[in-house]
PDB file of N, CA and C in Angstrom:
ATOM      1  N   MET A   1     153.989 198.041   0.830  1.00  0.00           N
ATOM      2  CA  MET A   1     153.488 198.347   2.145  1.00  0.00           C
ATOM      3  C   MET A   1     153.321 199.861   2.242  1.00  0.00           C
ATOM      4  N   SER A   2     152.146 200.318   2.584  1.00  0.00           N
ATOM      5  CA  SER A   2     151.914 201.756   2.674  1.00  0.00           C
ATOM      6  C   SER A   2     152.097 202.219   4.111  1.00  0.00           C
ATOM      7  N   ALA A   3     152.632 203.404   4.251  1.00  0.00           N
ATOM      8  CA  ALA A   3     152.843 203.973   5.584  1.00  0.00           C
ATOM      9  C   ALA A   3     151.583 204.704   6.000  1.00  0.00           C
ATOM     10  N   SER A   4     151.197 204.561   7.239  1.00  0.00           N
ATOM     11  CA  SER A   4     150.031 205.276   7.739  1.00  0.00           C
ATOM     12  C   SER A   4     150.467 206.224   8.838  1.00  0.00           C
ATOM     13  N   LEU A   5     149.717 207.275   8.983  1.00  0.00           N
ATOM     14  CA  LEU A   5     150.028 208.285   9.980  1.00  0.00           C
ATOM     15  C   LEU A   5     149.262 207.969  11.250  1.00  0.00           C
ATOM     16  N   VAL A   6     149.962 207.910  12.351  1.00  0.00           N
ATOM     17  CA  VAL A   6     149.349 207.649  13.638  1.00  0.00           C
ATOM     18  C   VAL A   6     149.572 208.865  14.504  1.00  0.00           C
ATOM     19  N   ARG A   7     148.508 209.355  15.099  1.00  0.00           N
ATOM     20  CA  ARG A   7     148.627 210.519  15.969  1.00  0.00           C
ATOM     21  C   ARG A   7     148.624 210.072  17.415  1.00  0.00           C
ATOM     22  N   ALA A   8     149.383 210.785  18.198  1.00  0.00           N
ATOM     23  CA  ALA A   8     149.419 210.523  19.637  1.00  0.00           C
ATOM     24  C   ALA A   8     149.501 211.853  20.354  1.00  0.00           C
ATOM     25  N   THR A   9     148.915 211.907  21.519  1.00  0.00           N
ATOM     26  CA  THR A   9     148.937 213.119  22.323  1.00  0.00           C
ATOM     27  C   THR A   9     149.617 212.810  23.638  1.00  0.00           C
ATOM     28  N   VAL A  10     150.496 213.689  24.051  1.00  0.00           N
ATOM     29  CA  VAL A  10     151.172 213.544  25.333  1.00  0.00           C
ATOM     30  C   VAL A  10     150.667 214.651  26.232  1.00  0.00           C
ATOM     31  N   ARG A  11     150.194 214.268  27.407  1.00  0.00           N
ATOM     32  CA  ARG A  11     149.683 215.252  28.346  1.00  0.00           C
ATOM     33  C   ARG A  11     150.444 215.151  29.657  1.00  0.00           C
ATOM     34  N   ALA A  12     150.695 216.299  30.249  1.00  0.00           N
ATOM     35  CA  ALA A  12     151.303 216.329  31.579  1.00  0.00           C
ATOM     36  C   ALA A  12     150.192 216.092  32.592  1.00  0.00           C
ATOM     37  N   VAL A  13     150.415 215.201  33.510  1.00  0.00           N
ATOM     38  CA  VAL A  13     149.419 214.876  34.519  1.00  0.00           C
ATOM     39  C   VAL A  13     149.957 215.307  35.869  1.00  0.00           C
ATOM     40  N   SER A  14     149.210 216.166  36.524  1.00  0.00           N
ATOM     41  CA  SER A  14     149.646 216.597  37.852  1.00  0.00           C
ATOM     42  C   SER A  14     148.867 215.836  38.919  1.00  0.00           C
ATOM     43  N   LYS A  15     149.391 215.861  40.110  1.00  0.00           N
ATOM     44  CA  LYS A  15     148.774 215.226  41.274  1.00  0.00           C
ATOM     45  C   LYS A  15     148.681 213.709  41.142  1.00  0.00           C
ATOM     46  N   ARG A  16     149.456 213.128  40.274  1.00  0.00           N
ATOM     47  CA  ARG A  16     149.495 211.674  40.169  1.00  0.00           C
ATOM     48  C   ARG A  16     150.832 211.202  40.696  1.00  0.00           C
ATOM     49  N   LYS A  17     150.794 210.291  41.612  1.00  0.00           N
ATOM     50  CA  LYS A  17     152.010 209.778  42.208  1.00  0.00           C
ATOM     51  C   LYS A  17     152.594 208.681  41.321  1.00  0.00           C
ATOM     52  N   LEU A  18     153.852 208.800  40.982  1.00  0.00           N
ATOM     53  CA  LEU A  18     154.498 207.766  40.194  1.00  0.00           C
ATOM     54  C   LEU A  18     154.813 206.563  41.066  1.00  0.00           C
ATOM     55  N   GLN A  19     154.478 205.403  40.563  1.00  0.00           N
ATOM     56  CA  GLN A  19     154.748 204.165  41.273  1.00  0.00           C
ATOM     57  C   GLN A  19     156.073 203.589  40.782  1.00  0.00           C
ATOM     58  N   PRO A  20     156.963 203.217  41.696  1.00  0.00           N
ATOM     59  CA  PRO A  20     158.202 202.598  41.249  1.00  0.00           C
ATOM     60  C   PRO A  20     157.909 201.252  40.596  1.00  0.00           C
ATOM     61  N   THR A  21     158.622 200.977  39.504  1.00  0.00           N
ATOM     62  CA  THR A  21     158.419 199.697  38.842  1.00  0.00           C
ATOM     63  C   THR A  21     159.193 198.619  39.576  1.00  0.00           C
ATOM     64  N   ARG A  22     158.660 197.447  39.529  1.00  0.00           N
ATOM     65  CA  ARG A  22     159.264 196.314  40.190  1.00  0.00           C
ATOM     66  C   ARG A  22     159.937 195.437  39.146  1.00  0.00           C
ATOM     67  N   ALA A  23     161.076 194.907  39.479  1.00  0.00           N
ATOM     68  CA  ALA A  23     161.762 194.018  38.538  1.00  0.00           C
ATOM     69  C   ALA A  23     160.902 192.774  38.312  1.00  0.00           C
ATOM     70  N   ALA A  24     160.917 192.278  37.092  1.00  0.00           N
ATOM     71  CA  ALA A  24     160.141 191.084  36.784  1.00  0.00           C
ATOM     72  C   ALA A  24     160.614 189.901  37.614  1.00  0.00           C
ATOM     73  N   LEU A  25     161.889 189.888  37.924  1.00  0.00           N
ATOM     74  CA  LEU A  25     162.491 188.782  38.651  1.00  0.00           C
ATOM     75  C   LEU A  25     163.542 189.341  39.597  1.00  0.00           C
ATOM     76  N   THR A  26     163.514 188.907  40.835  1.00  0.00           N
ATOM     77  CA  THR A  26     164.568 189.283  41.772  1.00  0.00           C
ATOM     78  C   THR A  26     165.349 188.030  42.138  1.00  0.00           C
ATOM     79  N   LEU A  27     166.619 188.217  42.427  1.00  0.00           N
ATOM     80  CA  LEU A  27     167.507 187.095  42.745  1.00  0.00           C
ATOM     81  C   LEU A  27     167.939 187.188  44.195  1.00  0.00           C
ATOM     82  N   THR A  28     167.968 186.053  44.872  1.00  0.00           N
ATOM     83  CA  THR A  28     168.501 186.022  46.223  1.00  0.00           C
ATOM     84  C   THR A  28     170.020 186.019  46.131  1.00  0.00           C
ATOM     85  N   PRO A  29     170.718 186.377  47.220  1.00  0.00           N
ATOM     86  CA  PRO A  29     172.193 186.316  47.189  1.00  0.00           C
ATOM     87  C   PRO A  29     172.711 184.921  46.838  1.00  0.00           C
ATOM     88  N   SER A  30     172.019 183.899  47.273  1.00  0.00           N
ATOM     89  CA  SER A  30     172.421 182.529  46.961  1.00  0.00           C
ATOM     90  C   SER A  30     172.334 182.263  45.456  1.00  0.00           C
ATOM     91  N   ALA A  31     171.281 182.746  44.807  1.00  0.00           N
ATOM     92  CA  ALA A  31     171.129 182.568  43.359  1.00  0.00           C
ATOM     93  C   ALA A  31     172.195 183.351  42.604  1.00  0.00           C
ATOM     94  N   VAL A  32     172.464 184.572  43.053  1.00  0.00           N
ATOM     95  CA  VAL A  32     173.502 185.395  42.412  1.00  0.00           C
ATOM     96  C   VAL A  32     174.850 184.689  42.481  1.00  0.00           C
ATOM     97  N   ASN A  33     175.200 184.181  43.640  1.00  0.00           N
ATOM     98  CA  ASN A  33     176.482 183.491  43.803  1.00  0.00           C
ATOM     99  C   ASN A  33     176.578 182.248  42.931  1.00  0.00           C
ATOM    100  N   LYS A  34     175.497 181.474  42.837  1.00  0.00           N
ATOM    101  CA  LYS A  34     175.526 180.260  42.025  1.00  0.00           C
ATOM    102  C   LYS A  34     175.638 180.593  40.540  1.00  0.00           C
ATOM    103  N   ILE A  35     174.923 181.621  40.085  1.00  0.00           N
ATOM    104  CA  ILE A  35     175.010 182.013  38.681  1.00  0.00           C
ATOM    105  C   ILE A  35     176.420 182.489  38.350  1.00  0.00           C
ATOM    106  N   LYS A  36     177.017 183.282  39.240  1.00  0.00           N
ATOM    107  CA  LYS A  36     178.401 183.725  39.030  1.00  0.00           C
ATOM    108  C   LYS A  36     179.336 182.529  38.926  1.00  0.00           C
ATOM    109  N   GLN A  37     179.139 181.552  39.798  1.00  0.00           N
ATOM    110  CA  GLN A  37     179.970 180.348  39.794  1.00  0.00           C
ATOM    111  C   GLN A  37     179.792 179.571  38.486  1.00  0.00           C
ATOM    112  N   LEU A  38     178.557 179.427  38.010  1.00  0.00           N
ATOM    113  CA  LEU A  38     178.301 178.697  36.770  1.00  0.00           C
ATOM    114  C   LEU A  38     178.893 179.410  35.562  1.00  0.00           C
ATOM    115  N   LEU A  39     178.779 180.727  35.529  1.00  0.00           N
ATOM    116  CA  LEU A  39     179.270 181.484  34.375  1.00  0.00           C
ATOM    117  C   LEU A  39     180.786 181.646  34.361  1.00  0.00           C
ATOM    118  N   LYS A  40     181.421 181.483  35.513  1.00  0.00           N
ATOM    119  CA  LYS A  40     182.878 181.591  35.586  1.00  0.00           C
ATOM    120  C   LYS A  40     183.543 180.544  34.696  1.00  0.00           C
ATOM    121  N   ASP A  41     182.928 179.377  34.582  1.00  0.00           N
ATOM    122  CA  ASP A  41     183.467 178.284  33.769  1.00  0.00           C
ATOM    123  C   ASP A  41     183.072 178.397  32.300  1.00  0.00           C
ATOM    124  N   LYS A  42     182.256 179.379  31.955  1.00  0.00           N
ATOM    125  CA  LYS A  42     181.778 179.540  30.583  1.00  0.00           C
ATOM    126  C   LYS A  42     181.945 180.992  30.148  1.00  0.00           C
ATOM    127  N   PRO A  43     183.152 181.425  29.848  1.00  0.00           N
ATOM    128  CA  PRO A  43     183.397 182.837  29.533  1.00  0.00           C
ATOM    129  C   PRO A  43     182.687 183.326  28.274  1.00  0.00           C
ATOM    130  N   GLU A  44     182.287 182.423  27.379  1.00  0.00           N
ATOM    131  CA  GLU A  44     181.594 182.848  26.159  1.00  0.00           C
ATOM    132  C   GLU A  44     180.120 183.183  26.409  1.00  0.00           C
ATOM    133  N   HIS A  45     179.595 182.823  27.573  1.00  0.00           N
ATOM    134  CA  HIS A  45     178.205 183.116  27.926  1.00  0.00           C
ATOM    135  C   HIS A  45     178.147 184.315  28.865  1.00  0.00           C
ATOM    136  N   VAL A  46     177.126 185.166  28.660  1.00  0.00           N
ATOM    137  CA  VAL A  46     177.029 186.391  29.449  1.00  0.00           C
ATOM    138  C   VAL A  46     175.956 186.331  30.535  1.00  0.00           C
ATOM    139  N   GLY A  47     175.115 185.321  30.500  1.00  0.00           N
ATOM    140  CA  GLY A  47     174.058 185.211  31.504  1.00  0.00           C
ATOM    141  C   GLY A  47     173.251 183.942  31.339  1.00  0.00           C
ATOM    142  N   LEU A  48     172.174 183.881  32.103  1.00  0.00           N
ATOM    143  CA  LEU A  48     171.238 182.765  32.006  1.00  0.00           C
ATOM    144  C   LEU A  48     169.946 183.261  31.388  1.00  0.00           C
ATOM    145  N   LYS A  49     169.280 182.382  30.634  1.00  0.00           N
ATOM    146  CA  LYS A  49     167.985 182.717  30.047  1.00  0.00           C
ATOM    147  C   LYS A  49     166.922 181.851  30.708  1.00  0.00           C
ATOM    148  N   VAL A  50     165.832 182.510  31.153  1.00  0.00           N
ATOM    149  CA  VAL A  50     164.710 181.810  31.772  1.00  0.00           C
ATOM    150  C   VAL A  50     163.566 181.786  30.771  1.00  0.00           C
ATOM    151  N   GLY A  51     162.990 180.620  30.599  1.00  0.00           N
ATOM    152  CA  GLY A  51     161.844 180.472  29.707  1.00  0.00           C
ATOM    153  C   GLY A  51     160.788 179.596  30.350  1.00  0.00           C
ATOM    154  N   VAL A  52     159.687 179.384  29.652  1.00  0.00           N
ATOM    155  CA  VAL A  52     158.654 178.456  30.108  1.00  0.00           C
ATOM    156  C   VAL A  52     158.341 177.494  28.977  1.00  0.00           C
ATOM    157  N   ARG A  53     158.024 176.286  29.336  1.00  0.00           N
ATOM    158  CA  ARG A  53     157.643 175.262  28.379  1.00  0.00           C
ATOM    159  C   ARG A  53     156.401 174.560  28.902  1.00  0.00           C
ATOM    160  N   THR A  54     155.592 174.048  27.968  1.00  0.00           N
ATOM    161  CA  THR A  54     154.445 173.240  28.360  1.00  0.00           C
ATOM    162  C   THR A  54     154.972 171.890  28.816  1.00  0.00           C
ATOM    163  N   ARG A  55     154.593 171.519  30.045  1.00  0.00           N
ATOM    164  CA  ARG A  55     155.127 170.277  30.599  1.00  0.00           C
ATOM    165  C   ARG A  55     154.323 169.853  31.821  1.00  0.00           C
ATOM    166  N   GLY A  56     154.451 168.597  32.156  1.00  0.00           N
ATOM    167  CA  GLY A  56     153.847 168.089  33.384  1.00  0.00           C
ATOM    168  C   GLY A  56     152.338 167.964  33.284  1.00  0.00           C
ATOM    169  N   CYS A  57     151.735 167.648  34.404  1.00  0.00           N
ATOM    170  CA  CYS A  57     150.295 167.417  34.431  1.00  0.00           C
ATOM    171  C   CYS A  57     149.510 168.689  34.694  1.00  0.00           C
ATOM    172  N   ASN A  58     150.178 169.779  34.976  1.00  0.00           N
ATOM    173  CA  ASN A  58     149.468 170.976  35.406  1.00  0.00           C
ATOM    174  C   ASN A  58     149.680 172.194  34.519  1.00  0.00           C
ATOM    175  N   GLY A  59     150.522 172.113  33.498  1.00  0.00           N
ATOM    176  CA  GLY A  59     150.638 173.263  32.623  1.00  0.00           C
ATOM    177  C   GLY A  59     152.019 173.635  32.166  1.00  0.00           C
ATOM    178  N   LEU A  60     152.711 174.527  32.900  1.00  0.00           N
ATOM    179  CA  LEU A  60     153.964 175.109  32.453  1.00  0.00           C
ATOM    180  C   LEU A  60     155.107 174.787  33.408  1.00  0.00           C
ATOM    181  N   SER A  61     156.316 174.842  32.873  1.00  0.00           N
ATOM    182  CA  SER A  61     157.517 174.591  33.659  1.00  0.00           C
ATOM    183  C   SER A  61     158.583 175.605  33.248  1.00  0.00           C
ATOM    184  N   TYR A  62     159.365 176.100  34.206  1.00  0.00           N
ATOM    185  CA  TYR A  62     160.448 177.024  33.897  1.00  0.00           C
ATOM    186  C   TYR A  62     161.633 176.253  33.330  1.00  0.00           C
ATOM    187  N   THR A  63     162.361 176.905  32.427  1.00  0.00           N
ATOM    188  CA  THR A  63     163.587 176.327  31.887  1.00  0.00           C
ATOM    189  C   THR A  63     164.715 177.326  32.092  1.00  0.00           C
ATOM    190  N   LEU A  64     165.925 176.823  32.235  1.00  0.00           N
ATOM    191  CA  LEU A  64     167.121 177.651  32.366  1.00  0.00           C
ATOM    192  C   LEU A  64     168.151 177.173  31.365  1.00  0.00           C
ATOM    193  N   GLU A  65     168.803 178.119  30.698  1.00  0.00           N
ATOM    194  CA  GLU A  65     169.887 177.758  29.796  1.00  0.00           C
ATOM    195  C   GLU A  65     170.896 178.897  29.758  1.00  0.00           C
ATOM    196  N   TYR A  66     172.114 178.573  29.362  1.00  0.00           N
ATOM    197  CA  TYR A  66     173.142 179.594  29.219  1.00  0.00           C
ATOM    198  C   TYR A  66     172.823 180.444  28.004  1.00  0.00           C
ATOM    199  N   SER A  67     173.204 181.722  28.069  1.00  0.00           N
ATOM    200  CA  SER A  67     172.921 182.618  26.957  1.00  0.00           C
ATOM    201  C   SER A  67     174.170 183.426  26.596  1.00  0.00           C
ATOM    202  N   LYS A  68     174.453 183.502  25.294  1.00  0.00           N
ATOM    203  CA  LYS A  68     175.587 184.285  24.813  1.00  0.00           C
ATOM    204  C   LYS A  68     175.187 185.732  24.540  1.00  0.00           C
ATOM    205  N   THR A  69     173.903 185.954  24.225  1.00  0.00           N
ATOM    206  CA  THR A  69     173.419 187.309  23.918  1.00  0.00           C
ATOM    207  C   THR A  69     171.989 187.471  24.418  1.00  0.00           C
ATOM    208  N   LYS A  70     171.571 188.725  24.466  1.00  0.00           N
ATOM    209  CA  LYS A  70     170.190 189.047  24.812  1.00  0.00           C
ATOM    210  C   LYS A  70     169.371 188.983  23.535  1.00  0.00           C
ATOM    211  N   GLY A  71     168.271 188.248  23.560  1.00  0.00           N
ATOM    212  CA  GLY A  71     167.387 188.192  22.407  1.00  0.00           C
ATOM    213  C   GLY A  71     166.621 189.495  22.233  1.00  0.00           C
ATOM    214  N   ASP A  72     166.120 189.727  21.026  1.00  0.00           N
ATOM    215  CA  ASP A  72     165.408 190.968  20.725  1.00  0.00           C
ATOM    216  C   ASP A  72     164.218 191.218  21.643  1.00  0.00           C
ATOM    217  N   SER A  73     163.480 190.173  21.994  1.00  0.00           N
ATOM    218  CA  SER A  73     162.281 190.357  22.816  1.00  0.00           C
ATOM    219  C   SER A  73     162.488 189.935  24.274  1.00  0.00           C
ATOM    220  N   ASP A  74     163.732 189.642  24.639  1.00  0.00           N
ATOM    221  CA  ASP A  74     164.026 189.245  26.022  1.00  0.00           C
ATOM    222  C   ASP A  74     164.032 190.457  26.937  1.00  0.00           C
ATOM    223  N   GLU A  75     163.561 190.265  28.159  1.00  0.00           N
ATOM    224  CA  GLU A  75     163.713 191.297  29.180  1.00  0.00           C
ATOM    225  C   GLU A  75     164.983 190.966  29.955  1.00  0.00           C
ATOM    226  N   GLU A  76     165.776 191.979  30.256  1.00  0.00           N
ATOM    227  CA  GLU A  76     167.042 191.763  30.948  1.00  0.00           C
ATOM    228  C   GLU A  76     166.938 192.233  32.392  1.00  0.00           C
ATOM    229  N   VAL A  77     167.345 191.358  33.301  1.00  0.00           N
ATOM    230  CA  VAL A  77     167.422 191.703  34.715  1.00  0.00           C
ATOM    231  C   VAL A  77     168.897 191.650  35.098  1.00  0.00           C
ATOM    232  N   ILE A  78     169.407 192.767  35.611  1.00  0.00           N
ATOM    233  CA  ILE A  78     170.793 192.823  36.073  1.00  0.00           C
ATOM    234  C   ILE A  78     170.760 193.070  37.567  1.00  0.00           C
ATOM    235  N   GLN A  79     171.368 192.156  38.300  1.00  0.00           N
ATOM    236  CA  GLN A  79     171.405 192.296  39.754  1.00  0.00           C
ATOM    237  C   GLN A  79     172.752 191.814  40.263  1.00  0.00           C
ATOM    238  N   ASP A  80     173.432 192.651  40.989  1.00  0.00           N
ATOM    239  CA  ASP A  80     174.730 192.325  41.594  1.00  0.00           C
ATOM    240  C   ASP A  80     175.722 191.754  40.584  1.00  0.00           C
ATOM    241  N   GLY A  81     175.738 192.319  39.386  1.00  0.00           N
ATOM    242  CA  GLY A  81     176.685 191.896  38.366  1.00  0.00           C
ATOM    243  C   GLY A  81     176.287 190.651  37.595  1.00  0.00           C
ATOM    244  N   VAL A  82     175.079 190.143  37.822  1.00  0.00           N
ATOM    245  CA  VAL A  82     174.589 188.945  37.139  1.00  0.00           C
ATOM    246  C   VAL A  82     173.486 189.354  36.173  1.00  0.00           C
ATOM    247  N   ARG A  83     173.526 188.779  34.980  1.00  0.00           N
ATOM    248  CA  ARG A  83     172.508 189.069  33.969  1.00  0.00           C
ATOM    249  C   ARG A  83     171.623 187.844  33.755  1.00  0.00           C
ATOM    250  N   VAL A  84     170.316 188.081  33.847  1.00  0.00           N
ATOM    251  CA  VAL A  84     169.333 187.039  33.565  1.00  0.00           C
ATOM    252  C   VAL A  84     168.396 187.581  32.508  1.00  0.00           C
ATOM    253  N   PHE A  85     168.200 186.818  31.443  1.00  0.00           N
ATOM    254  CA  PHE A  85     167.316 187.204  30.357  1.00  0.00           C
ATOM    255  C   PHE A  85     166.031 186.397  30.473  1.00  0.00           C
ATOM    256  N   ILE A  86     164.900 187.066  30.292  1.00  0.00           N
ATOM    257  CA  ILE A  86     163.608 186.395  30.393  1.00  0.00           C
ATOM    258  C   ILE A  86     162.969 186.385  29.012  1.00  0.00           C
ATOM    259  N   GLU A  87     162.692 185.178  28.501  1.00  0.00           N
ATOM    260  CA  GLU A  87     162.051 185.051  27.200  1.00  0.00           C
ATOM    261  C   GLU A  87     160.689 185.735  27.227  1.00  0.00           C
ATOM    262  N   LYS A  88     160.260 186.244  26.094  1.00  0.00           N
ATOM    263  CA  LYS A  88     158.998 186.969  26.012  1.00  0.00           C
ATOM    264  C   LYS A  88     157.831 186.137  26.541  1.00  0.00           C
ATOM    265  N   LYS A  89     157.800 184.874  26.202  1.00  0.00           N
ATOM    266  CA  LYS A  89     156.704 183.989  26.613  1.00  0.00           C
ATOM    267  C   LYS A  89     156.637 183.834  28.139  1.00  0.00           C
ATOM    268  N   ALA A  90     157.753 184.020  28.822  1.00  0.00           N
ATOM    269  CA  ALA A  90     157.812 183.811  30.272  1.00  0.00           C
ATOM    270  C   ALA A  90     157.635 185.096  31.075  1.00  0.00           C
ATOM    271  N   GLN A  91     157.663 186.249  30.416  1.00  0.00           N
ATOM    272  CA  GLN A  91     157.695 187.515  31.143  1.00  0.00           C
ATOM    273  C   GLN A  91     156.484 187.723  32.050  1.00  0.00           C
ATOM    274  N   LEU A  92     155.290 187.461  31.570  1.00  0.00           N
ATOM    275  CA  LEU A  92     154.111 187.669  32.410  1.00  0.00           C
ATOM    276  C   LEU A  92     154.015 186.667  33.548  1.00  0.00           C
ATOM    277  N   THR A  93     154.467 185.447  33.321  1.00  0.00           N
ATOM    278  CA  THR A  93     154.372 184.425  34.374  1.00  0.00           C
ATOM    279  C   THR A  93     155.405 184.633  35.476  1.00  0.00           C
ATOM    280  N   LEU A  94     156.445 185.417  35.202  1.00  0.00           N
ATOM    281  CA  LEU A  94     157.507 185.626  36.190  1.00  0.00           C
ATOM    282  C   LEU A  94     157.400 186.929  36.974  1.00  0.00           C
ATOM    283  N   LEU A  95     156.450 187.795  36.650  1.00  0.00           N
ATOM    284  CA  LEU A  95     156.337 189.082  37.346  1.00  0.00           C
ATOM    285  C   LEU A  95     156.250 188.884  38.854  1.00  0.00           C
ATOM    286  N   GLY A  96     157.141 189.537  39.583  1.00  0.00           N
ATOM    287  CA  GLY A  96     157.128 189.459  41.039  1.00  0.00           C
ATOM    288  C   GLY A  96     157.761 188.213  41.625  1.00  0.00           C
ATOM    289  N   THR A  97     158.392 187.400  40.802  1.00  0.00           N
ATOM    290  CA  THR A  97     158.973 186.132  41.257  1.00  0.00           C
ATOM    291  C   THR A  97     160.379 186.332  41.815  1.00  0.00           C
ATOM    292  N   GLU A  98     160.702 185.556  42.833  1.00  0.00           N
ATOM    293  CA  GLU A  98     162.044 185.539  43.414  1.00  0.00           C
ATOM    294  C   GLU A  98     162.719 184.228  43.014  1.00  0.00           C
ATOM    295  N   MET A  99     163.919 184.350  42.469  1.00  0.00           N
ATOM    296  CA  MET A  99     164.705 183.168  42.088  1.00  0.00           C
ATOM    297  C   MET A  99     165.730 182.916  43.180  1.00  0.00           C
ATOM    298  N   ASP A 100     165.717 181.709  43.715  1.00  0.00           N
ATOM    299  CA  ASP A 100     166.607 181.331  44.805  1.00  0.00           C
ATOM    300  C   ASP A 100     167.400 180.100  44.388  1.00  0.00           C
ATOM    301  N   TYR A 101     168.509 179.857  45.064  1.00  0.00           N
ATOM    302  CA  TYR A 101     169.272 178.627  44.871  1.00  0.00           C
ATOM    303  C   TYR A 101     169.341 177.942  46.220  1.00  0.00           C
ATOM    304  N   VAL A 102     168.868 176.701  46.264  1.00  0.00           N
ATOM    305  CA  VAL A 102     168.754 175.975  47.526  1.00  0.00           C
ATOM    306  C   VAL A 102     169.564 174.686  47.452  1.00  0.00           C
ATOM    307  N   GLU A 103     170.352 174.450  48.501  1.00  0.00           N
ATOM    308  CA  GLU A 103     171.119 173.202  48.626  1.00  0.00           C
ATOM    309  C   GLU A 103     170.739 172.515  49.922  1.00  0.00           C
ATOM    310  N   ASP A 104     170.506 171.205  49.842  1.00  0.00           N
ATOM    311  CA  ASP A 104     170.334 170.419  51.062  1.00  0.00           C
ATOM    312  C   ASP A 104     171.113 169.118  50.895  1.00  0.00           C
ATOM    313  N   LYS A 105     170.922 168.191  51.788  1.00  0.00           N
ATOM    314  CA  LYS A 105     171.730 166.962  51.761  1.00  0.00           C
ATOM    315  C   LYS A 105     171.511 166.126  50.503  1.00  0.00           C
ATOM    316  N   LEU A 106     170.312 166.194  49.928  1.00  0.00           N
ATOM    317  CA  LEU A 106     169.997 165.327  48.798  1.00  0.00           C
ATOM    318  C   LEU A 106     169.929 166.024  47.443  1.00  0.00           C
ATOM    319  N   SER A 107     169.821 167.337  47.441  1.00  0.00           N
ATOM    320  CA  SER A 107     169.673 168.005  46.148  1.00  0.00           C
ATOM    321  C   SER A 107     170.171 169.445  46.199  1.00  0.00           C
ATOM    322  N   SER A 108     170.338 170.003  45.026  1.00  0.00           N
ATOM    323  CA  SER A 108     170.637 171.431  44.877  1.00  0.00           C
ATOM    324  C   SER A 108     169.931 171.880  43.609  1.00  0.00           C
ATOM    325  N   GLU A 109     169.229 173.027  43.711  1.00  0.00           N
ATOM    326  CA  GLU A 109     168.433 173.468  42.577  1.00  0.00           C
ATOM    327  C   GLU A 109     168.059 174.941  42.696  1.00  0.00           C
ATOM    328  N   PHE A 110     167.718 175.533  41.539  1.00  0.00           N
ATOM    329  CA  PHE A 110     167.132 176.863  41.536  1.00  0.00           C
ATOM    330  C   PHE A 110     165.653 176.696  41.848  1.00  0.00           C
ATOM    331  N   VAL A 111     165.132 177.565  42.702  1.00  0.00           N
ATOM    332  CA  VAL A 111     163.724 177.528  43.093  1.00  0.00           C
ATOM    333  C   VAL A 111     163.110 178.875  42.757  1.00  0.00           C
ATOM    334  N   PHE A 112     161.956 178.856  42.117  1.00  0.00           N
ATOM    335  CA  PHE A 112     161.233 180.070  41.772  1.00  0.00           C
ATOM    336  C   PHE A 112     160.072 180.240  42.739  1.00  0.00           C
ATOM    337  N   ASN A 113     160.147 181.255  43.578  1.00  0.00           N
ATOM    338  CA  ASN A 113     159.081 181.561  44.520  1.00  0.00           C
ATOM    339  C   ASN A 113     158.163 182.575  43.849  1.00  0.00           C
ATOM    340  N   ASN A 114     157.061 182.071  43.281  1.00  0.00           N
ATOM    341  CA  ASN A 114     156.166 182.891  42.472  1.00  0.00           C
ATOM    342  C   ASN A 114     154.848 183.113  43.202  1.00  0.00           C
ATOM    343  N   PRO A 115     154.549 184.355  43.596  1.00  0.00           N
ATOM    344  CA  PRO A 115     153.307 184.633  44.313  1.00  0.00           C
ATOM    345  C   PRO A 115     152.063 184.553  43.431  1.00  0.00           C
ATOM    346  N   ASN A 116     152.230 184.455  42.115  1.00  0.00           N
ATOM    347  CA  ASN A 116     151.092 184.427  41.194  1.00  0.00           C
ATOM    348  C   ASN A 116     150.557 183.030  40.929  1.00  0.00           C
ATOM    349  N   ILE A 117     151.255 182.008  41.368  1.00  0.00           N
ATOM    350  CA  ILE A 117     150.861 180.633  41.075  1.00  0.00           C
ATOM    351  C   ILE A 117     149.694 180.225  41.970  1.00  0.00           C
ATOM    352  N   LYS A 118     148.679 179.636  41.336  1.00  0.00           N
ATOM    353  CA  LYS A 118     147.504 179.184  42.083  1.00  0.00           C
ATOM    354  C   LYS A 118     147.651 177.746  42.550  1.00  0.00           C
ATOM    355  N   GLY A 119     148.506 176.978  41.898  1.00  0.00           N
ATOM    356  CA  GLY A 119     148.671 175.586  42.301  1.00  0.00           C
ATOM    357  C   GLY A 119     149.763 174.911  41.508  1.00  0.00           C
ATOM    358  N   THR A 120     150.268 173.812  42.043  1.00  0.00           N
ATOM    359  CA  THR A 120     151.266 173.003  41.346  1.00  0.00           C
ATOM    360  C   THR A 120     150.821 171.552  41.375  1.00  0.00           C
ATOM    361  N   CYS A 121     151.397 170.766  40.510  1.00  0.00           N
ATOM    362  CA  CYS A 121     151.052 169.353  40.495  1.00  0.00           C
ATOM    363  C   CYS A 121     151.948 168.597  41.474  1.00  0.00           C
ATOM    364  N   GLY A 122     151.693 167.339  41.677  1.00  0.00           N
ATOM    365  CA  GLY A 122     152.436 166.533  42.624  1.00  0.00           C
ATOM    366  C   GLY A 122     153.897 166.336  42.272  1.00  0.00           C
ATOM    367  N   CYS A 123     154.247 166.442  40.987  1.00  0.00           N
ATOM    368  CA  CYS A 123     155.642 166.225  40.577  1.00  0.00           C
ATOM    369  C   CYS A 123     156.502 167.450  40.870  1.00  0.00           C
ATOM    370  N   GLY A 124     155.862 168.600  41.121  1.00  0.00           N
ATOM    371  CA  GLY A 124     156.614 169.809  41.440  1.00  0.00           C
ATOM    372  C   GLY A 124     157.262 170.484  40.240  1.00  0.00           C
ATOM    373  N   GLU A 125     156.993 169.995  39.037  1.00  0.00           N
ATOM    374  CA  GLU A 125     157.630 170.549  37.847  1.00  0.00           C
ATOM    375  C   GLU A 125     156.778 171.573  37.116  1.00  0.00           C
ATOM    376  N   SER A 126     155.484 171.624  37.367  1.00  0.00           N
ATOM    377  CA  SER A 126     154.643 172.526  36.602  1.00  0.00           C
ATOM    378  C   SER A 126     153.735 173.329  37.519  1.00  0.00           C
ATOM    379  N   PHE A 127     153.147 174.380  36.960  1.00  0.00           N
ATOM    380  CA  PHE A 127     152.343 175.297  37.762  1.00  0.00           C
ATOM    381  C   PHE A 127     151.192 175.847  36.943  1.00  0.00           C
ATOM    382  N   ASN A 128     150.167 176.311  37.612  1.00  0.00           N
ATOM    383  CA  ASN A 128     149.039 177.012  36.977  1.00  0.00           C
ATOM    384  C   ASN A 128     149.007 178.439  37.479  1.00  0.00           C
ATOM    385  N   ILE A 129     148.737 179.339  36.572  1.00  0.00           N
ATOM    386  CA  ILE A 129     148.615 180.751  36.961  1.00  0.00           C
ATOM    387  C   ILE A 129     147.188 181.183  36.716  1.00  0.00           C
TER     388      ILE A 129
END
């Protein structure tokens, strides 16, 4: 393998306003509390990993699993002492998304409020971006 030389130039830019970056994923207090509760029983795991899989009639579905380490290409979101890792494949689909935990009389689940989704299928498991 031969090494090649790559040149780059860095320029100072004046009169440009820096825009604050937004976290790829934000967590509601309810989601933070539930993740803390889930991880309390699993001391060998350091956080949750969010991914996407092809599923359902409309395209993609989010997945959640316990994670012992941060993967090389994972993006890490730390909020209120909770660590969430986002798989590389899911990073673009989750930009600007809020992760919530909702409980009602019949169910309890994590809900992803994603402003980028154009539609979902009737089963509620998949989305189109």
